[in-house]
Amino acid sequence: MLGIAHHIPRLVLEDAPAARPNRALIEVLEYACPEQLTISFRGVPLLEVMNSDFLEALCSTDMSHLKNLKLELHLTVYDCEL
């Protein structure tokens, strides 16, 4: 997908699951193999994050090389019901 020939040690992503193809996050993490990963979900309802490939990406991709994970969730008014 990306044509990355080497690992990316530090990866910072701002994700919007509804605005990208399904499984895109999984593919990015498989190619990049980051040691440090920051994922920010700004203005994205928590339910959308949980229904995306986010958890599958962290569980199915070989994340043994990951030493640091920073997750930024910016809760929205839609999250009040959760």
N, C-alpha and C. Protein backbone atom coordinates (compact mmCIF):
# COMPACT_ATOMS: atom_id res chain seq x y z
N MET A 1 0.81 -1.19 0.00
CA MET A 1 0.00 0.00 0.00
C MET A 1 0.85 1.25 0.00
N LEU A 2 1.78 1.37 0.95
CA LEU A 2 2.56 2.59 1.08
C LEU A 2 3.91 2.51 0.37
N GLY A 3 4.43 1.33 0.16
CA GLY A 3 5.73 1.19 -0.46
C GLY A 3 6.87 1.62 0.45
N ILE A 4 6.70 1.48 1.74
CA ILE A 4 7.73 1.85 2.70
C ILE A 4 8.78 0.74 2.73
N ALA A 5 10.04 1.12 2.52
CA ALA A 5 11.11 0.13 2.46
C ALA A 5 11.78 -0.10 3.82
N HIS A 6 11.53 0.76 4.78
CA HIS A 6 12.15 0.62 6.09
C HIS A 6 11.15 1.03 7.17
N HIS A 7 11.46 0.71 8.40
CA HIS A 7 10.57 1.02 9.51
C HIS A 7 10.62 2.51 9.84
N ILE A 8 9.54 3.00 10.39
CA ILE A 8 9.45 4.38 10.85
C ILE A 8 9.45 4.32 12.38
N PRO A 9 10.53 4.73 13.04
CA PRO A 9 10.64 4.56 14.48
C PRO A 9 9.57 5.32 15.28
N ARG A 10 9.25 6.54 14.84
CA ARG A 10 8.27 7.36 15.56
C ARG A 10 7.18 7.79 14.59
N LEU A 11 5.95 7.41 14.89
CA LEU A 11 4.84 7.69 13.99
C LEU A 11 3.76 8.45 14.76
N VAL A 12 3.34 9.59 14.21
CA VAL A 12 2.28 10.40 14.80
C VAL A 12 1.16 10.48 13.78
N LEU A 13 -0.03 10.01 14.17
CA LEU A 13 -1.18 9.97 13.27
C LEU A 13 -2.35 10.73 13.86
N GLU A 14 -3.07 11.45 13.01
CA GLU A 14 -4.38 11.98 13.38
C GLU A 14 -5.38 11.20 12.56
N ASP A 15 -6.20 10.42 13.23
CA ASP A 15 -7.07 9.47 12.54
C ASP A 15 -8.52 9.91 12.55
N ALA A 16 -9.19 9.65 11.44
CA ALA A 16 -10.63 9.85 11.30
C ALA A 16 -11.16 8.61 10.59
N PRO A 17 -11.54 7.57 11.35
CA PRO A 17 -11.90 6.29 10.76
C PRO A 17 -12.94 6.36 9.64
N ALA A 18 -13.91 7.23 9.75
CA ALA A 18 -14.96 7.31 8.73
C ALA A 18 -14.46 7.91 7.42
N ALA A 19 -13.31 8.59 7.47
CA ALA A 19 -12.78 9.28 6.29
C ALA A 19 -11.71 8.49 5.56
N ARG A 20 -11.50 7.23 5.95
CA ARG A 20 -10.46 6.42 5.31
C ARG A 20 -10.98 5.02 5.04
N PRO A 21 -10.28 4.29 4.19
CA PRO A 21 -10.70 2.91 3.91
C PRO A 21 -10.59 2.02 5.16
N ASN A 22 -11.47 1.05 5.25
CA ASN A 22 -11.42 0.08 6.34
C ASN A 22 -10.08 -0.67 6.27
N ARG A 23 -9.49 -0.96 7.40
CA ARG A 23 -8.22 -1.68 7.54
C ARG A 23 -7.00 -0.84 7.16
N ALA A 24 -7.17 0.44 6.85
CA ALA A 24 -6.03 1.29 6.48
C ALA A 24 -5.05 1.44 7.64
N LEU A 25 -5.57 1.60 8.85
CA LEU A 25 -4.69 1.73 10.01
C LEU A 25 -3.86 0.47 10.21
N ILE A 26 -4.48 -0.68 10.04
CA ILE A 26 -3.76 -1.95 10.16
C ILE A 26 -2.60 -2.00 9.17
N GLU A 27 -2.86 -1.64 7.93
CA GLU A 27 -1.82 -1.68 6.89
C GLU A 27 -0.70 -0.70 7.18
N VAL A 28 -1.04 0.49 7.63
CA VAL A 28 -0.01 1.49 7.95
C VAL A 28 0.91 0.97 9.06
N LEU A 29 0.32 0.41 10.11
CA LEU A 29 1.14 -0.08 11.23
C LEU A 29 1.98 -1.29 10.84
N GLU A 30 1.45 -2.14 9.97
CA GLU A 30 2.24 -3.29 9.50
C GLU A 30 3.46 -2.83 8.71
N TYR A 31 3.31 -1.83 7.88
CA TYR A 31 4.44 -1.33 7.09
C TYR A 31 5.41 -0.51 7.92
N ALA A 32 4.90 0.35 8.79
CA ALA A 32 5.75 1.29 9.51
C ALA A 32 6.49 0.64 10.68
N CYS A 33 5.87 -0.30 11.37
CA CYS A 33 6.45 -0.96 12.55
C CYS A 33 7.05 0.05 13.54
N PRO A 34 6.27 1.02 13.99
CA PRO A 34 6.84 2.06 14.85
C PRO A 34 7.19 1.54 16.25
N GLU A 35 8.21 2.17 16.84
CA GLU A 35 8.54 1.92 18.24
C GLU A 35 7.76 2.87 19.13
N GLN A 36 7.49 4.06 18.62
CA GLN A 36 6.70 5.07 19.32
C GLN A 36 5.53 5.44 18.44
N LEU A 37 4.33 5.35 18.98
CA LEU A 37 3.13 5.61 18.20
C LEU A 37 2.21 6.55 18.96
N THR A 38 1.82 7.63 18.30
CA THR A 38 0.82 8.55 18.82
C THR A 38 -0.34 8.56 17.85
N ILE A 39 -1.54 8.28 18.35
CA ILE A 39 -2.74 8.34 17.53
C ILE A 39 -3.71 9.30 18.20
N SER A 40 -4.16 10.27 17.44
CA SER A 40 -5.10 11.26 17.93
C SER A 40 -6.41 11.13 17.17
N PHE A 41 -7.50 11.08 17.92
CA PHE A 41 -8.84 11.05 17.34
C PHE A 41 -9.54 12.34 17.76
N ARG A 42 -9.43 13.37 16.94
CA ARG A 42 -10.02 14.68 17.27
C ARG A 42 -11.38 14.81 16.60
N GLY A 43 -12.38 15.14 17.42
CA GLY A 43 -13.72 15.34 16.89
C GLY A 43 -14.39 14.07 16.39
N VAL A 44 -13.88 12.94 16.82
CA VAL A 44 -14.43 11.64 16.40
C VAL A 44 -15.14 11.02 17.60
N PRO A 45 -16.41 10.69 17.46
CA PRO A 45 -17.11 10.04 18.58
C PRO A 45 -16.39 8.75 19.01
N LEU A 46 -16.35 8.51 20.30
CA LEU A 46 -15.66 7.34 20.84
C LEU A 46 -16.22 6.05 20.26
N LEU A 47 -17.52 5.98 20.05
CA LEU A 47 -18.12 4.79 19.47
C LEU A 47 -17.58 4.52 18.06
N GLU A 48 -17.33 5.58 17.30
CA GLU A 48 -16.75 5.41 15.96
C GLU A 48 -15.33 4.85 16.05
N VAL A 49 -14.57 5.33 17.02
CA VAL A 49 -13.21 4.81 17.23
C VAL A 49 -13.27 3.33 17.59
N MET A 50 -14.16 2.97 18.51
CA MET A 50 -14.25 1.59 18.97
C MET A 50 -14.78 0.65 17.88
N ASN A 51 -15.57 1.17 16.95
CA ASN A 51 -16.10 0.35 15.86
C ASN A 51 -15.18 0.32 14.64
N SER A 52 -14.09 1.04 14.71
CA SER A 52 -13.14 1.07 13.59
C SER A 52 -12.15 -0.09 13.73
N ASP A 53 -11.11 -0.07 12.92
CA ASP A 53 -10.08 -1.10 12.97
C ASP A 53 -9.00 -0.80 14.01
N PHE A 54 -9.21 0.19 14.87
CA PHE A 54 -8.21 0.60 15.84
C PHE A 54 -7.77 -0.54 16.76
N LEU A 55 -8.72 -1.17 17.45
CA LEU A 55 -8.36 -2.27 18.36
C LEU A 55 -7.78 -3.46 17.62
N GLU A 56 -8.34 -3.76 16.46
CA GLU A 56 -7.81 -4.86 15.65
C GLU A 56 -6.37 -4.57 15.23
N ALA A 57 -6.09 -3.32 14.90
CA ALA A 57 -4.73 -2.94 14.49
C ALA A 57 -3.74 -3.17 15.62
N LEU A 58 -4.13 -2.83 16.83
CA LEU A 58 -3.23 -3.01 17.97
C LEU A 58 -3.08 -4.48 18.35
N CYS A 59 -4.11 -5.27 18.09
CA CYS A 59 -4.08 -6.70 18.47
C CYS A 59 -3.54 -7.61 17.37
N SER A 60 -3.85 -7.32 16.12
CA SER A 60 -3.49 -8.24 15.05
C SER A 60 -2.11 -7.96 14.46
N THR A 61 -1.70 -6.72 14.47
CA THR A 61 -0.39 -6.37 13.95
C THR A 61 0.66 -6.79 14.98
N ASP A 62 1.82 -7.22 14.51
CA ASP A 62 2.90 -7.56 15.44
C ASP A 62 3.39 -6.28 16.10
N MET A 63 2.91 -6.02 17.28
CA MET A 63 3.25 -4.79 17.98
C MET A 63 4.31 -5.02 19.05
N SER A 64 5.06 -6.11 18.96
CA SER A 64 6.09 -6.41 19.96
C SER A 64 7.20 -5.36 19.96
N HIS A 65 7.38 -4.67 18.86
CA HIS A 65 8.41 -3.64 18.75
C HIS A 65 7.96 -2.32 19.36
N LEU A 66 6.65 -2.17 19.65
CA LEU A 66 6.11 -0.92 20.16
C LEU A 66 6.51 -0.74 21.62
N LYS A 67 7.19 0.36 21.90
CA LYS A 67 7.66 0.65 23.26
C LYS A 67 6.84 1.75 23.92
N ASN A 68 6.20 2.59 23.11
CA ASN A 68 5.47 3.73 23.65
C ASN A 68 4.22 3.96 22.82
N LEU A 69 3.07 4.02 23.48
CA LEU A 69 1.80 4.30 22.81
C LEU A 69 1.14 5.47 23.50
N LYS A 70 0.85 6.50 22.74
CA LYS A 70 0.12 7.65 23.25
C LYS A 70 -1.18 7.75 22.48
N LEU A 71 -2.28 7.72 23.20
CA LEU A 71 -3.60 7.75 22.59
C LEU A 71 -4.31 9.02 23.06
N GLU A 72 -4.75 9.82 22.10
CA GLU A 72 -5.48 11.05 22.42
C GLU A 72 -6.91 10.92 21.94
N LEU A 73 -7.84 10.92 22.89
CA LEU A 73 -9.26 10.88 22.57
C LEU A 73 -9.87 12.21 22.99
N HIS A 74 -10.44 12.90 22.06
CA HIS A 74 -11.11 14.17 22.32
C HIS A 74 -12.60 13.89 22.30
N LEU A 75 -13.18 13.73 23.47
CA LEU A 75 -14.58 13.34 23.56
C LEU A 75 -15.48 14.42 22.96
N THR A 76 -16.58 13.97 22.37
CA THR A 76 -17.53 14.87 21.72
C THR A 76 -18.87 14.81 22.47
N VAL A 77 -19.80 15.66 22.07
CA VAL A 77 -21.12 15.66 22.70
C VAL A 77 -21.83 14.33 22.48
N TYR A 78 -21.47 13.61 21.43
CA TYR A 78 -22.08 12.31 21.14
C TYR A 78 -21.65 11.23 22.13
N ASP A 79 -20.60 11.50 22.89
CA ASP A 79 -20.09 10.51 23.85
C ASP A 79 -20.79 10.58 25.20
N CYS A 80 -21.66 11.55 25.41
CA CYS A 80 -22.35 11.72 26.69
C CYS A 80 -23.23 10.53 27.03
N GLU A 81 -23.73 9.84 26.04
CA GLU A 81 -24.63 8.71 26.25
C GLU A 81 -23.90 7.43 26.63
N LEU A 82 -22.59 7.39 26.45
CA LEU A 82 -21.84 6.15 26.69
C LEU A 82 -21.65 5.86 28.15
